[in-house]
Amino acid sequence: MADEAVIEETMLRLVSERGPAKTCCPSEVARAVGGPHPDGWGPLMQPVRRVAVRLTKEGRVQILRKGKPVADPDDFRGIYRLGLPPG
């Protein structure tokens, strides 16, 4: 299992590479860390979400649902994307 520092570095790199108006899927982060097989990246989805929530609270990434920032990073459901925060 990858540690959160590796997930964080990968997440920040991917959202930065996309640029300000684009997003990436959390599964892209998991695949970049765990490899292409579902047995490698599947178990990373919850750790990726935890890192995304923490980085959102720190103002370093933005969690988006249906193209809009989530109101509460601790309480959102469903499919989400990751992007750079505004500014």
C-alpha atoms as a PDB file:
ATOM      1  CA  MET A   1       0.000   0.000   0.000  1.00  0.00           C
ATOM      2  CA  ALA A   2       1.363   3.410  -0.968  1.00  0.00           C
ATOM      3  CA  ASP A   3       1.797   5.968   1.749  1.00  0.00           C
ATOM      4  CA  GLU A   4      -0.060   9.260   1.775  1.00  0.00           C
ATOM      5  CA  ALA A   5       3.055  11.281   0.895  1.00  0.00           C
ATOM      6  CA  VAL A   6       3.310   9.452  -2.441  1.00  0.00           C
ATOM      7  CA  ILE A   7      -0.411   9.936  -3.092  1.00  0.00           C
ATOM      8  CA  GLU A   8      -0.146  13.634  -2.211  1.00  0.00           C
ATOM      9  CA  GLU A   9       2.842  14.214  -4.486  1.00  0.00           C
ATOM     10  CA  THR A  10       1.143  12.379  -7.353  1.00  0.00           C
ATOM     11  CA  MET A  11      -2.148  14.238  -6.873  1.00  0.00           C
ATOM     12  CA  LEU A  12      -0.483  17.659  -6.776  1.00  0.00           C
ATOM     13  CA  ARG A  13       1.584  16.817  -9.849  1.00  0.00           C
ATOM     14  CA  LEU A  14      -1.440  15.633 -11.860  1.00  0.00           C
ATOM     15  CA  VAL A  15      -3.655  18.631 -11.053  1.00  0.00           C
ATOM     16  CA  SER A  16      -0.762  20.996 -11.766  1.00  0.00           C
ATOM     17  CA  GLU A  17      -0.074  19.329 -15.113  1.00  0.00           C
ATOM     18  CA  ARG A  18      -3.745  19.778 -16.069  1.00  0.00           C
ATOM     19  CA  GLY A  19      -3.706  23.469 -15.341  1.00  0.00           C
ATOM     20  CA  PRO A  20      -6.246  25.864 -13.843  1.00  0.00           C
ATOM     21  CA  ALA A  21      -9.343  25.107 -15.914  1.00  0.00           C
ATOM     22  CA  LYS A  22      -8.996  21.302 -16.068  1.00  0.00           C
ATOM     23  CA  THR A  23      -9.556  18.453 -13.630  1.00  0.00           C
ATOM     24  CA  CYS A  24      -8.429  14.895 -13.114  1.00  0.00           C
ATOM     25  CA  CYS A  25     -10.234  11.840 -11.834  1.00  0.00           C
ATOM     26  CA  PRO A  26      -9.187  10.433  -8.455  1.00  0.00           C
ATOM     27  CA  SER A  27      -8.771   7.049 -10.149  1.00  0.00           C
ATOM     28  CA  GLU A  28      -6.019   8.600 -12.283  1.00  0.00           C
ATOM     29  CA  VAL A  29      -4.124   9.351  -9.086  1.00  0.00           C
ATOM     30  CA  ALA A  30      -4.706   5.810  -7.819  1.00  0.00           C
ATOM     31  CA  ARG A  31      -3.584   4.312 -11.154  1.00  0.00           C
ATOM     32  CA  ALA A  32      -0.461   6.477 -11.249  1.00  0.00           C
ATOM     33  CA  VAL A  33       0.496   5.158  -7.811  1.00  0.00           C
ATOM     34  CA  GLY A  34      -0.834   1.582  -7.907  1.00  0.00           C
ATOM     35  CA  GLY A  35      -0.451   0.639 -11.550  1.00  0.00           C
ATOM     36  CA  PRO A  36      -2.987  -0.258 -14.239  1.00  0.00           C
ATOM     37  CA  HIS A  37      -4.453  -3.410 -12.682  1.00  0.00           C
ATOM     38  CA  PRO A  38      -7.535  -2.911 -10.468  1.00  0.00           C
ATOM     39  CA  ASP A  39      -5.942  -5.001  -7.716  1.00  0.00           C
ATOM     40  CA  GLY A  40      -3.200  -2.373  -7.517  1.00  0.00           C
ATOM     41  CA  TRP A  41      -5.164   0.857  -7.762  1.00  0.00           C
ATOM     42  CA  GLY A  42      -8.594  -0.154  -6.418  1.00  0.00           C
ATOM     43  CA  PRO A  43      -7.547  -0.315  -2.756  1.00  0.00           C
ATOM     44  CA  LEU A  44      -6.016   3.168  -3.097  1.00  0.00           C
ATOM     45  CA  MET A  45      -9.320   4.932  -3.797  1.00  0.00           C
ATOM     46  CA  GLN A  46     -10.131   5.588  -0.117  1.00  0.00           C
ATOM     47  CA  PRO A  47      -6.601   6.828   0.707  1.00  0.00           C
ATOM     48  CA  VAL A  48      -6.792   9.086  -2.384  1.00  0.00           C
ATOM     49  CA  ARG A  49     -10.077  10.506  -1.090  1.00  0.00           C
ATOM     50  CA  ARG A  50      -8.578  11.126   2.374  1.00  0.00           C
ATOM     51  CA  VAL A  51      -5.613  12.970   0.855  1.00  0.00           C
ATOM     52  CA  ALA A  52      -7.950  14.982  -1.414  1.00  0.00           C
ATOM     53  CA  VAL A  53     -10.039  16.051   1.594  1.00  0.00           C
ATOM     54  CA  ARG A  54      -6.939  17.088   3.548  1.00  0.00           C
ATOM     55  CA  LEU A  55      -5.439  19.003   0.614  1.00  0.00           C
ATOM     56  CA  THR A  56      -8.776  20.721  -0.016  1.00  0.00           C
ATOM     57  CA  LYS A  57      -8.892  21.888   3.601  1.00  0.00           C
ATOM     58  CA  GLU A  58      -5.329  23.183   3.172  1.00  0.00           C
ATOM     59  CA  GLY A  59      -6.374  25.052   0.011  1.00  0.00           C
ATOM     60  CA  ARG A  60      -3.988  23.105  -2.228  1.00  0.00           C
ATOM     61  CA  VAL A  61      -6.555  21.252  -4.379  1.00  0.00           C
ATOM     62  CA  GLN A  62     -10.253  21.563  -5.040  1.00  0.00           C
ATOM     63  CA  ILE A  63     -12.824  18.765  -4.963  1.00  0.00           C
ATOM     64  CA  LEU A  64     -15.528  19.291  -7.584  1.00  0.00           C
ATOM     65  CA  ARG A  65     -18.904  17.634  -8.072  1.00  0.00           C
ATOM     66  CA  LYS A  66     -20.780  18.356 -11.281  1.00  0.00           C
ATOM     67  CA  GLY A  67     -18.231  21.068 -12.058  1.00  0.00           C
ATOM     68  CA  LYS A  68     -18.722  22.951  -8.786  1.00  0.00           C
ATOM     69  CA  PRO A  69     -16.605  22.960  -5.623  1.00  0.00           C
ATOM     70  CA  VAL A  70     -18.020  20.841  -2.819  1.00  0.00           C
ATOM     71  CA  ALA A  71     -19.385  22.882   0.063  1.00  0.00           C
ATOM     72  CA  ASP A  72     -18.036  20.534   2.733  1.00  0.00           C
ATOM     73  CA  PRO A  73     -15.039  18.346   1.873  1.00  0.00           C
ATOM     74  CA  ASP A  74     -15.861  16.111   4.856  1.00  0.00           C
ATOM     75  CA  ASP A  75     -19.369  15.399   3.598  1.00  0.00           C
ATOM     76  CA  PHE A  76     -19.849  14.762  -0.114  1.00  0.00           C
ATOM     77  CA  ARG A  77     -21.002  11.743  -2.062  1.00  0.00           C
ATOM     78  CA  GLY A  78     -20.638  10.293  -5.482  1.00  0.00           C
ATOM     79  CA  ILE A  79     -18.316  10.914  -8.363  1.00  0.00           C
ATOM     80  CA  TYR A  80     -15.881  13.759  -7.930  1.00  0.00           C
ATOM     81  CA  ARG A  81     -12.974  15.368  -9.765  1.00  0.00           C
ATOM     82  CA  LEU A  82      -9.852  17.122  -8.566  1.00  0.00           C
ATOM     83  CA  GLY A  83      -8.523  20.458  -9.737  1.00  0.00           C
ATOM     84  CA  LEU A  84      -6.427  23.420  -8.769  1.00  0.00           C
ATOM     85  CA  PRO A  85      -8.036  25.877  -6.354  1.00  0.00           C
ATOM     86  CA  PRO A  86      -8.986  29.284  -7.782  1.00  0.00           C
ATOM     87  CA  GLY A  87      -6.370  32.006  -7.747  1.00  0.00           C
END
